């Protein structure tokens, strides 16, 4: 099954997360199919904190991908910011 989840990157104590579509059996930070966006919890000033490609996200969800609870919360947060 394909799941849309966060993959952690960045330095120690400075996390940076990629929002990826990946096979559920692969590791969290391992192989993924496509990068759908990113989330930077420490983004401040001119840095963007959350970017999601809505078109690709919709494509994956229409084709049966499950969204993790954390990514679902971020999608909801991005929707409020856009409105």
Protein backbone atom coordinates (compact mmCIF):
# COMPACT_ATOMS: atom_id res chain seq x y z
CA UNK A 1 0.00 0.00 0.00
CA UNK A 2 1.14 3.54 -0.72
CA UNK A 3 1.14 5.98 2.17
CA UNK A 4 1.79 9.73 2.22
CA UNK A 5 3.99 10.48 5.22
CA UNK A 6 6.90 12.53 6.54
CA UNK A 7 10.53 11.61 5.92
CA UNK A 8 12.96 13.31 8.30
CA UNK A 9 16.08 15.08 7.18
CA UNK A 10 18.15 18.00 8.41
CA UNK A 11 20.73 18.30 11.15
CA UNK A 12 20.58 17.16 14.74
CA UNK A 13 17.98 19.23 16.64
CA UNK A 14 17.10 21.06 13.37
CA UNK A 15 14.56 18.76 11.67
CA UNK A 16 13.37 19.20 8.10
CA UNK A 17 10.64 16.93 6.80
CA UNK A 18 9.82 15.92 3.23
CA UNK A 19 6.24 14.91 2.52
CA UNK A 20 6.58 11.79 0.39
CA UNK A 21 4.49 9.09 -1.22
CA UNK A 22 6.12 5.79 -0.26
CA UNK A 23 5.40 2.10 0.00
CA UNK A 24 4.30 1.35 3.55
CA UNK A 25 6.88 -1.44 3.89
CA UNK A 26 9.85 0.90 3.32
CA UNK A 27 11.65 2.71 6.12
CA UNK A 28 10.60 6.18 7.23
CA UNK A 29 13.64 7.89 5.69
CA UNK A 30 14.24 5.22 3.06
CA UNK A 31 13.10 4.77 -0.51
CA UNK A 32 10.07 6.74 -1.67
CA UNK A 33 8.11 7.08 -4.90
CA UNK A 34 7.64 10.84 -5.11
CA UNK A 35 8.23 13.95 -3.04
CA UNK A 36 4.94 15.83 -2.67
CA UNK A 37 6.11 18.75 -0.52
CA UNK A 38 8.05 19.70 2.58
CA UNK A 39 7.56 20.93 6.14
CA UNK A 40 10.11 23.05 7.99
CA UNK A 41 9.02 23.43 11.63
CA UNK A 42 11.79 25.99 12.29
CA UNK A 43 11.09 28.07 9.17
CA UNK A 44 11.05 31.74 10.10
CA UNK A 45 11.22 35.01 8.26
CA UNK A 46 11.60 34.55 4.51
CA UNK A 47 11.86 30.75 4.79
CA UNK A 48 8.75 28.82 3.85
CA UNK A 49 7.44 26.57 6.58
CA UNK A 50 5.04 24.35 4.65
CA UNK A 51 4.74 23.66 0.92
CA UNK A 52 2.43 21.00 -0.54
CA UNK A 53 1.85 20.24 -4.22
CA UNK A 54 -1.95 19.89 -4.04
CA UNK A 55 -2.25 18.48 -7.55
CA UNK A 56 0.10 15.55 -6.85
CA UNK A 57 -1.43 15.00 -3.40
CA UNK A 58 -4.87 14.71 -4.99
CA UNK A 59 -3.51 12.31 -7.62
CA UNK A 60 -2.09 9.97 -5.00
CA UNK A 61 -5.18 10.02 -2.78
CA UNK A 62 -7.44 9.31 -5.77
CA UNK A 63 -5.27 6.31 -6.62
CA UNK A 64 -5.64 4.77 -3.15
CA UNK A 65 -2.81 6.27 -1.12
CA UNK A 66 -3.47 6.61 2.61
CA UNK A 67 -2.50 9.83 4.39
CA UNK A 68 -0.75 9.60 7.76
CA UNK A 69 -2.40 11.47 10.68
CA UNK A 70 0.42 14.03 10.87
CA UNK A 71 0.29 14.79 7.16
CA UNK A 72 -3.51 15.09 7.38
CA UNK A 73 -3.05 17.72 10.10
CA UNK A 74 -0.52 19.59 7.94
CA UNK A 75 -2.86 19.51 4.92
CA UNK A 76 -5.62 20.99 7.06
CA UNK A 77 -3.19 23.65 8.32
CA UNK A 78 -2.15 24.51 4.74
CA UNK A 79 -5.81 24.84 3.73
CA UNK A 80 -6.45 27.33 6.52
CA UNK A 81 -3.35 29.36 5.57
CA UNK A 82 -4.45 29.50 1.91
CA UNK A 83 -7.96 30.72 2.82
